[in-house]
Amino acid sequence: MALTFVLTFVLYLLGTSFVARFDTQWYPLAYSLLVLLIGATQAWLLLRPQRPGAASQAGVEAAAAKPIVSPHWRILPALVVGILGIVLWIFISHLHPEQWVADWLPGFLKPQPRVGYNPFEEIESPAWRWAFIAFRLLGIAIVVPIAEELFWRGFLMRWLIDPEWERVPLGEYTLSSCLTVTLMFTLAHPEWLAAAVYCLLINGLMYWKRDLWQCIVAHGVSNLALAIYVMLTGAWWLW
């Protein structure tokens, strides 16, 4: 079961690091292929029959048999949290609070700014430009939210409570697991304060609804709204 929650997140981290090494001519193709690879892997992992793990052996077969993600339309909380979260992210990011502490940190701890990629400047062909934008939107609005939420709040938040993490219900709260997930999520993004605030919001949604689908939808709505904001304003350094 851990494979389902962890694999695509690892593919995402390694893949984006690898793809970033391509020059601007080949980056769109490499990124698009990465999205297809991770998306196909997610479909295989989530749609295949789930084998009972340690949780079912402990006598909770019913919990193990439930789908990992159960889509539904009761998503108003996710929509509200997703929009609120990205509004706060954009506002805080424009303040650049990381720079307030960057001068006091050793080089290896300083947050590295995003390398913005503007397809309207880098891709001459309109057809290929919009094809890349479509793959970019597919990646950040669907593939990335699934990968991140499966890992952060589906696996890690529970594993930090009990290594036999399948025994732990979704949305189980402990202060240490909440803060550890928030810290790790923050360090995975260059916008430290914005990421910390956002992660706490999504954590709160999980504790409230105990529903991984709500977190995936909220994360997807946030990323889609950010993409729209970036394309409308030209703030490519956020994307």
C-alpha atoms as a PDB file:
ATOM      1  CA  MET A   1       0.000   0.000   0.000  1.00  0.00           C
ATOM      2  CA  ALA A   2       2.827   2.440   0.743  1.00  0.00           C
ATOM      3  CA  LEU A   3       3.865   2.222  -2.915  1.00  0.00           C
ATOM      4  CA  THR A   4       0.583   3.830  -3.970  1.00  0.00           C
ATOM      5  CA  PHE A   5       1.086   6.788  -1.653  1.00  0.00           C
ATOM      6  CA  VAL A   6       4.794   7.384  -2.189  1.00  0.00           C
ATOM      7  CA  LEU A   7       5.844   6.332  -5.701  1.00  0.00           C
ATOM      8  CA  THR A   8       4.406   9.160  -7.797  1.00  0.00           C
ATOM      9  CA  PHE A   9       5.644  11.785  -5.325  1.00  0.00           C
ATOM     10  CA  VAL A  10       9.171  10.398  -5.669  1.00  0.00           C
ATOM     11  CA  LEU A  11       8.787  10.305  -9.461  1.00  0.00           C
ATOM     12  CA  TYR A  12       7.638  13.918  -9.356  1.00  0.00           C
ATOM     13  CA  LEU A  13      10.617  15.088  -7.271  1.00  0.00           C
ATOM     14  CA  LEU A  14      13.200  13.194  -9.309  1.00  0.00           C
ATOM     15  CA  GLY A  15      11.498  13.943 -12.614  1.00  0.00           C
ATOM     16  CA  THR A  16      11.214  17.694 -12.136  1.00  0.00           C
ATOM     17  CA  SER A  17      14.841  17.852 -11.002  1.00  0.00           C
ATOM     18  CA  PHE A  18      15.899  15.949 -14.138  1.00  0.00           C
ATOM     19  CA  VAL A  19      13.657  17.902 -16.518  1.00  0.00           C
ATOM     20  CA  ALA A  20      14.980  21.214 -15.185  1.00  0.00           C
ATOM     21  CA  ARG A  21      18.378  20.326 -16.662  1.00  0.00           C
ATOM     22  CA  PHE A  22      17.043  20.503 -20.228  1.00  0.00           C
ATOM     23  CA  ASP A  23      17.540  23.688 -22.204  1.00  0.00           C
ATOM     24  CA  THR A  24      14.544  25.808 -23.126  1.00  0.00           C
ATOM     25  CA  GLN A  25      14.207  24.109 -26.528  1.00  0.00           C
ATOM     26  CA  TRP A  26      13.651  20.627 -25.079  1.00  0.00           C
ATOM     27  CA  TYR A  27      12.129  21.488 -21.711  1.00  0.00           C
ATOM     28  CA  PRO A  28       8.474  21.547 -22.938  1.00  0.00           C
ATOM     29  CA  LEU A  29       8.743  18.065 -24.462  1.00  0.00           C
ATOM     30  CA  ALA A  30      10.544  16.650 -21.427  1.00  0.00           C
ATOM     31  CA  TYR A  31       7.996  18.132 -19.021  1.00  0.00           C
ATOM     32  CA  SER A  32       5.053  16.875 -21.089  1.00  0.00           C
ATOM     33  CA  LEU A  33       6.472  13.340 -21.151  1.00  0.00           C
ATOM     34  CA  LEU A  34       7.000  13.511 -17.387  1.00  0.00           C
ATOM     35  CA  VAL A  35       3.357  14.481 -16.852  1.00  0.00           C
ATOM     36  CA  LEU A  36       2.245  11.542 -18.999  1.00  0.00           C
ATOM     37  CA  LEU A  37       4.522   9.151 -17.104  1.00  0.00           C
ATOM     38  CA  ILE A  38       3.356  10.249 -13.653  1.00  0.00           C
ATOM     39  CA  GLY A  39      -0.293  10.429 -14.711  1.00  0.00           C
ATOM     40  CA  ALA A  40      -0.188   6.914 -16.162  1.00  0.00           C
ATOM     41  CA  THR A  41       1.503   5.633 -13.011  1.00  0.00           C
ATOM     42  CA  GLN A  42      -1.151   7.254 -10.838  1.00  0.00           C
ATOM     43  CA  ALA A  43      -3.933   5.698 -12.907  1.00  0.00           C
ATOM     44  CA  TRP A  44      -2.329   2.260 -12.581  1.00  0.00           C
ATOM     45  CA  LEU A  45      -1.779   2.586  -8.832  1.00  0.00           C
ATOM     46  CA  LEU A  46      -5.194   3.999  -7.979  1.00  0.00           C
ATOM     47  CA  LEU A  47      -7.299   1.816 -10.284  1.00  0.00           C
ATOM     48  CA  ARG A  48      -5.646  -1.532  -9.612  1.00  0.00           C
ATOM     49  CA  PRO A  49      -7.138  -3.819  -6.942  1.00  0.00           C
ATOM     50  CA  GLN A  50      -5.596  -2.920  -3.602  1.00  0.00           C
ATOM     51  CA  ARG A  51      -3.893  -5.685  -1.673  1.00  0.00           C
ATOM     52  CA  PRO A  52      -4.594  -5.630   2.062  1.00  0.00           C
ATOM     53  CA  GLY A  53      -1.579  -4.527   4.057  1.00  0.00           C
ATOM     54  CA  ALA A  54      -0.729  -4.514   7.722  1.00  0.00           C
ATOM     55  CA  ALA A  55      -3.975  -2.786   8.561  1.00  0.00           C
ATOM     56  CA  SER A  56      -6.129  -5.667   7.332  1.00  0.00           C
ATOM     57  CA  GLN A  57      -3.968  -8.177   9.158  1.00  0.00           C
ATOM     58  CA  ALA A  58      -4.653  -6.213  12.322  1.00  0.00           C
ATOM     59  CA  GLY A  59      -8.364  -6.858  11.928  1.00  0.00           C
ATOM     60  CA  VAL A  60      -9.557  -3.813  10.027  1.00  0.00           C
ATOM     61  CA  GLU A  61     -10.219  -5.431   6.645  1.00  0.00           C
ATOM     62  CA  ALA A  62     -13.085  -3.058   5.889  1.00  0.00           C
ATOM     63  CA  ALA A  63     -10.844  -0.006   6.156  1.00  0.00           C
ATOM     64  CA  ALA A  64      -8.217  -1.584   3.941  1.00  0.00           C
ATOM     65  CA  ALA A  65     -10.816  -2.462   1.314  1.00  0.00           C
ATOM     66  CA  LYS A  66     -12.020   1.119   0.871  1.00  0.00           C
ATOM     67  CA  PRO A  67     -10.813   3.020  -2.201  1.00  0.00           C
ATOM     68  CA  ILE A  68      -7.794   5.197  -1.496  1.00  0.00           C
ATOM     69  CA  VAL A  69      -9.557   8.211  -2.994  1.00  0.00           C
ATOM     70  CA  SER A  70     -13.351   8.417  -3.242  1.00  0.00           C
ATOM     71  CA  PRO A  71     -14.374  11.231  -5.632  1.00  0.00           C
ATOM     72  CA  HIS A  72     -17.636  13.048  -4.913  1.00  0.00           C
ATOM     73  CA  TRP A  73     -19.270  16.429  -5.546  1.00  0.00           C
ATOM     74  CA  ARG A  74     -19.486  17.653  -1.930  1.00  0.00           C
ATOM     75  CA  ILE A  75     -16.467  19.844  -2.502  1.00  0.00           C
ATOM     76  CA  LEU A  76     -17.539  23.316  -1.337  1.00  0.00           C
ATOM     77  CA  PRO A  77     -15.089  23.223   1.623  1.00  0.00           C
ATOM     78  CA  ALA A  78     -12.293  22.258  -0.766  1.00  0.00           C
ATOM     79  CA  LEU A  79     -13.154  25.084  -3.163  1.00  0.00           C
ATOM     80  CA  VAL A  80     -13.199  27.663  -0.363  1.00  0.00           C
ATOM     81  CA  VAL A  81      -9.936  26.466   1.179  1.00  0.00           C
ATOM     82  CA  GLY A  82      -8.271  26.173  -2.230  1.00  0.00           C
ATOM     83  CA  ILE A  83      -9.129  29.731  -3.269  1.00  0.00           C
ATOM     84  CA  LEU A  84      -8.323  31.200   0.154  1.00  0.00           C
ATOM     85  CA  GLY A  85      -5.041  29.327   0.232  1.00  0.00           C
ATOM     86  CA  ILE A  86      -3.805  30.563  -3.131  1.00  0.00           C
ATOM     87  CA  VAL A  87      -4.870  34.156  -2.429  1.00  0.00           C
ATOM     88  CA  LEU A  88      -2.739  34.045   0.723  1.00  0.00           C
ATOM     89  CA  TRP A  89       0.097  32.332  -1.175  1.00  0.00           C
ATOM     90  CA  ILE A  90       0.184  35.031  -3.864  1.00  0.00           C
ATOM     91  CA  PHE A  91      -0.080  37.885  -1.352  1.00  0.00           C
ATOM     92  CA  ILE A  92       2.665  36.535   0.909  1.00  0.00           C
ATOM     93  CA  SER A  93       4.922  35.638  -2.029  1.00  0.00           C
ATOM     94  CA  HIS A  94       4.856  39.215  -3.286  1.00  0.00           C
ATOM     95  CA  LEU A  95       6.224  40.331   0.093  1.00  0.00           C
ATOM     96  CA  HIS A  96       9.289  38.059  -0.353  1.00  0.00           C
ATOM     97  CA  PRO A  97       9.583  37.392   3.402  1.00  0.00           C
ATOM     98  CA  GLU A  98      12.290  34.772   2.814  1.00  0.00           C
ATOM     99  CA  GLN A  99      14.671  37.603   1.975  1.00  0.00           C
ATOM    100  CA  TRP A 100      14.297  38.921   5.520  1.00  0.00           C
ATOM    101  CA  VAL A 101      16.235  35.937   6.841  1.00  0.00           C
ATOM    102  CA  ALA A 102      18.244  34.842   3.792  1.00  0.00           C
ATOM    103  CA  ASP A 103      21.260  37.005   4.649  1.00  0.00           C
ATOM    104  CA  TRP A 104      21.558  35.259   8.003  1.00  0.00           C
ATOM    105  CA  LEU A 105      21.564  31.751   6.564  1.00  0.00           C
ATOM    106  CA  PRO A 106      24.456  29.703   5.162  1.00  0.00           C
ATOM    107  CA  GLY A 107      24.341  29.236   1.415  1.00  0.00           C
ATOM    108  CA  PHE A 108      23.010  25.673   1.464  1.00  0.00           C
ATOM    109  CA  LEU A 109      19.990  26.748   3.528  1.00  0.00           C
ATOM    110  CA  LYS A 110      19.010  29.793   1.495  1.00  0.00           C
ATOM    111  CA  PRO A 111      15.778  29.359  -0.491  1.00  0.00           C
ATOM    112  CA  GLN A 112      16.428  29.148  -4.213  1.00  0.00           C
ATOM    113  CA  PRO A 113      14.024  31.192  -6.352  1.00  0.00           C
ATOM    114  CA  ARG A 114      11.994  29.453  -9.018  1.00  0.00           C
ATOM    115  CA  VAL A 115      13.317  29.612 -12.549  1.00  0.00           C
ATOM    116  CA  GLY A 116      10.251  30.923 -14.335  1.00  0.00           C
ATOM    117  CA  TYR A 117       9.486  29.555 -17.794  1.00  0.00           C
ATOM    118  CA  ASN A 118       7.414  31.805 -20.044  1.00  0.00           C
ATOM    119  CA  PRO A 119       6.101  29.711 -22.967  1.00  0.00           C
ATOM    120  CA  PHE A 120       4.953  32.837 -24.802  1.00  0.00           C
ATOM    121  CA  GLU A 121       8.590  33.912 -25.100  1.00  0.00           C
ATOM    122  CA  GLU A 122      10.327  30.551 -25.322  1.00  0.00           C
ATOM    123  CA  ILE A 123       8.076  28.623 -27.759  1.00  0.00           C
ATOM    124  CA  GLU A 124       7.648  30.052 -31.253  1.00  0.00           C
ATOM    125  CA  SER A 125       5.014  27.640 -32.575  1.00  0.00           C
ATOM    126  CA  PRO A 126       1.522  28.610 -31.328  1.00  0.00           C
ATOM    127  CA  ALA A 127       0.318  25.001 -31.596  1.00  0.00           C
ATOM    128  CA  TRP A 128       3.202  23.602 -29.551  1.00  0.00           C
ATOM    129  CA  ARG A 129       2.985  26.527 -27.121  1.00  0.00           C
ATOM    130  CA  TRP A 130      -0.643  25.799 -26.268  1.00  0.00           C
ATOM    131  CA  ALA A 131       0.007  22.071 -26.218  1.00  0.00           C
ATOM    132  CA  PHE A 132       2.699  22.661 -23.600  1.00  0.00           C
ATOM    133  CA  ILE A 133       0.398  24.951 -21.601  1.00  0.00           C
ATOM    134  CA  ALA A 134      -2.252  22.215 -21.666  1.00  0.00           C
ATOM    135  CA  PHE A 135       0.256  19.680 -20.304  1.00  0.00           C
ATOM    136  CA  ARG A 136       1.446  22.224 -17.736  1.00  0.00           C
ATOM    137  CA  LEU A 137      -2.121  22.754 -16.525  1.00  0.00           C
ATOM    138  CA  LEU A 138      -2.747  19.012 -16.476  1.00  0.00           C
ATOM    139  CA  GLY A 139       0.382  18.592 -14.410  1.00  0.00           C
ATOM    140  CA  ILE A 140      -0.142  21.277 -11.798  1.00  0.00           C
ATOM    141  CA  ALA A 141      -3.940  21.009 -11.500  1.00  0.00           C
ATOM    142  CA  ILE A 142      -4.332  17.209 -11.467  1.00  0.00           C
ATOM    143  CA  VAL A 143      -1.109  15.185 -11.426  1.00  0.00           C
ATOM    144  CA  VAL A 144       0.798  17.222  -8.820  1.00  0.00           C
ATOM    145  CA  PRO A 145      -2.104  17.552  -6.333  1.00  0.00           C
ATOM    146  CA  ILE A 146      -2.701  13.796  -6.429  1.00  0.00           C
ATOM    147  CA  ALA A 147       1.006  13.013  -5.959  1.00  0.00           C
ATOM    148  CA  GLU A 148       1.492  15.516  -3.138  1.00  0.00           C
ATOM    149  CA  GLU A 149      -1.688  14.813  -1.208  1.00  0.00           C
ATOM    150  CA  LEU A 150      -1.205  11.047  -1.354  1.00  0.00           C
ATOM    151  CA  PHE A 151       2.241  11.537   0.140  1.00  0.00           C
ATOM    152  CA  TRP A 152       1.914  14.453   2.584  1.00  0.00           C
ATOM    153  CA  ARG A 153      -1.497  13.832   4.103  1.00  0.00           C
ATOM    154  CA  GLY A 154      -2.285  10.314   2.937  1.00  0.00           C
ATOM    155  CA  PHE A 155       0.984   8.697   4.010  1.00  0.00           C
ATOM    156  CA  LEU A 156       3.477  10.890   5.898  1.00  0.00           C
ATOM    157  CA  MET A 157       1.004  12.515   8.283  1.00  0.00           C
ATOM    158  CA  ARG A 158      -0.117   9.046   9.398  1.00  0.00           C
ATOM    159  CA  TRP A 159       3.320   7.409   9.345  1.00  0.00           C
ATOM    160  CA  LEU A 160       4.628  10.076  11.724  1.00  0.00           C
ATOM    161  CA  ILE A 161       1.956   9.015  14.215  1.00  0.00           C
ATOM    162  CA  ASP A 162       2.552   5.279  13.876  1.00  0.00           C
ATOM    163  CA  PRO A 163       4.922   3.345  11.573  1.00  0.00           C
ATOM    164  CA  GLU A 164       1.989   0.942  11.153  1.00  0.00           C
ATOM    165  CA  TRP A 165       0.409   3.873   9.369  1.00  0.00           C
ATOM    166  CA  GLU A 166      -2.464   1.966   7.758  1.00  0.00           C
ATOM    167  CA  ARG A 167      -3.950   1.594  11.229  1.00  0.00           C
ATOM    168  CA  VAL A 168      -4.159   5.393  11.570  1.00  0.00           C
ATOM    169  CA  PRO A 169      -7.383   6.984  10.236  1.00  0.00           C
ATOM    170  CA  LEU A 170      -7.098   9.821   7.746  1.00  0.00           C
ATOM    171  CA  GLY A 171      -7.177  13.139   9.555  1.00  0.00           C
ATOM    172  CA  GLU A 172      -5.830  11.822  12.864  1.00  0.00           C
ATOM    173  CA  TYR A 173      -4.284  14.822  14.653  1.00  0.00           C
ATOM    174  CA  THR A 174      -1.097  15.125  16.625  1.00  0.00           C
ATOM    175  CA  LEU A 175       0.825  18.364  16.980  1.00  0.00           C
ATOM    176  CA  SER A 176       4.144  16.757  16.074  1.00  0.00           C
ATOM    177  CA  SER A 177       2.866  15.189  12.838  1.00  0.00           C
ATOM    178  CA  CYS A 178       1.136  18.422  11.815  1.00  0.00           C
ATOM    179  CA  LEU A 179       4.237  20.542  12.384  1.00  0.00           C
ATOM    180  CA  THR A 180       6.616  18.021  10.798  1.00  0.00           C
ATOM    181  CA  VAL A 181       4.558  17.783   7.613  1.00  0.00           C
ATOM    182  CA  THR A 182       4.325  21.579   7.522  1.00  0.00           C
ATOM    183  CA  LEU A 183       8.086  21.970   7.959  1.00  0.00           C
ATOM    184  CA  MET A 184       8.918  19.456   5.233  1.00  0.00           C
ATOM    185  CA  PHE A 185       6.329  20.920   2.845  1.00  0.00           C
ATOM    186  CA  THR A 186       7.757  24.387   3.512  1.00  0.00           C
ATOM    187  CA  LEU A 187      11.336  23.352   2.796  1.00  0.00           C
ATOM    188  CA  ALA A 188      10.210  21.775  -0.484  1.00  0.00           C
ATOM    189  CA  HIS A 189       9.146  25.206  -1.790  1.00  0.00           C
ATOM    190  CA  PRO A 190      11.125  28.445  -2.209  1.00  0.00           C
ATOM    191  CA  GLU A 191       8.212  30.520  -0.860  1.00  0.00           C
ATOM    192  CA  TRP A 192       8.695  29.450   2.761  1.00  0.00           C
ATOM    193  CA  LEU A 193       6.116  31.506   4.617  1.00  0.00           C
ATOM    194  CA  ALA A 194       3.476  31.141   1.907  1.00  0.00           C
ATOM    195  CA  ALA A 195       4.061  27.378   1.824  1.00  0.00           C
ATOM    196  CA  ALA A 196       3.824  27.075   5.616  1.00  0.00           C
ATOM    197  CA  VAL A 197       0.531  28.975   5.773  1.00  0.00           C
ATOM    198  CA  TYR A 198      -0.864  27.003   2.841  1.00  0.00           C
ATOM    199  CA  CYS A 199       0.147  23.642   4.292  1.00  0.00           C
ATOM    200  CA  LEU A 200      -1.491  24.462   7.630  1.00  0.00           C
ATOM    201  CA  LEU A 201      -4.706  25.337   5.777  1.00  0.00           C
ATOM    202  CA  ILE A 202      -4.753  22.035   3.890  1.00  0.00           C
ATOM    203  CA  ASN A 203      -3.847  20.182   7.086  1.00  0.00           C
ATOM    204  CA  GLY A 204      -6.821  21.867   8.725  1.00  0.00           C
ATOM    205  CA  LEU A 205      -9.068  20.757   5.875  1.00  0.00           C
ATOM    206  CA  MET A 206      -7.899  17.174   6.384  1.00  0.00           C
ATOM    207  CA  TYR A 207      -8.521  17.319  10.141  1.00  0.00           C
ATOM    208  CA  TRP A 208     -11.960  18.800   9.504  1.00  0.00           C
ATOM    209  CA  LYS A 209     -13.199  16.541   6.710  1.00  0.00           C
ATOM    210  CA  ARG A 210     -10.910  13.489   7.070  1.00  0.00           C
ATOM    211  CA  ASP A 211     -11.185  13.141   3.312  1.00  0.00           C
ATOM    212  CA  LEU A 212      -8.200  12.926   0.979  1.00  0.00           C
ATOM    213  CA  TRP A 213     -10.394  13.866  -1.987  1.00  0.00           C
ATOM    214  CA  GLN A 214     -11.177  17.248  -0.402  1.00  0.00           C
ATOM    215  CA  CYS A 215      -7.444  17.949  -0.065  1.00  0.00           C
ATOM    216  CA  ILE A 216      -6.735  16.897  -3.657  1.00  0.00           C
ATOM    217  CA  VAL A 217      -9.512  19.147  -4.970  1.00  0.00           C
ATOM    218  CA  ALA A 218      -8.375  22.093  -2.828  1.00  0.00           C
ATOM    219  CA  HIS A 219      -4.784  21.662  -3.994  1.00  0.00           C
ATOM    220  CA  GLY A 220      -5.872  21.358  -7.620  1.00  0.00           C
ATOM    221  CA  VAL A 221      -8.085  24.455  -7.417  1.00  0.00           C
ATOM    222  CA  SER A 222      -5.207  26.408  -5.873  1.00  0.00           C
ATOM    223  CA  ASN A 223      -2.745  25.379  -8.550  1.00  0.00           C
ATOM    224  CA  LEU A 224      -5.188  26.072 -11.373  1.00  0.00           C
ATOM    225  CA  ALA A 225      -5.997  29.509  -9.943  1.00  0.00           C
ATOM    226  CA  LEU A 226      -2.275  30.236  -9.619  1.00  0.00           C
ATOM    227  CA  ALA A 227      -1.722  29.254 -13.255  1.00  0.00           C
ATOM    228  CA  ILE A 228      -4.499  31.580 -14.393  1.00  0.00           C
ATOM    229  CA  TYR A 229      -3.066  34.398 -12.267  1.00  0.00           C
ATOM    230  CA  VAL A 230       0.421  33.862 -13.685  1.00  0.00           C
ATOM    231  CA  MET A 231      -0.773  33.867 -17.299  1.00  0.00           C
ATOM    232  CA  LEU A 232      -2.888  36.980 -16.760  1.00  0.00           C
ATOM    233  CA  THR A 233      -0.243  38.981 -14.895  1.00  0.00           C
ATOM    234  CA  GLY A 234       3.005  37.611 -16.296  1.00  0.00           C
ATOM    235  CA  ALA A 235       4.304  36.669 -12.826  1.00  0.00           C
ATOM    236  CA  TRP A 236       6.145  33.655 -14.234  1.00  0.00           C
ATOM    237  CA  TRP A 237       8.480  33.568 -11.223  1.00  0.00           C
ATOM    238  CA  LEU A 238       5.560  32.054  -9.277  1.00  0.00           C
ATOM    239  CA  TRP A 239       5.113  29.164 -11.714  1.00  0.00           C
END
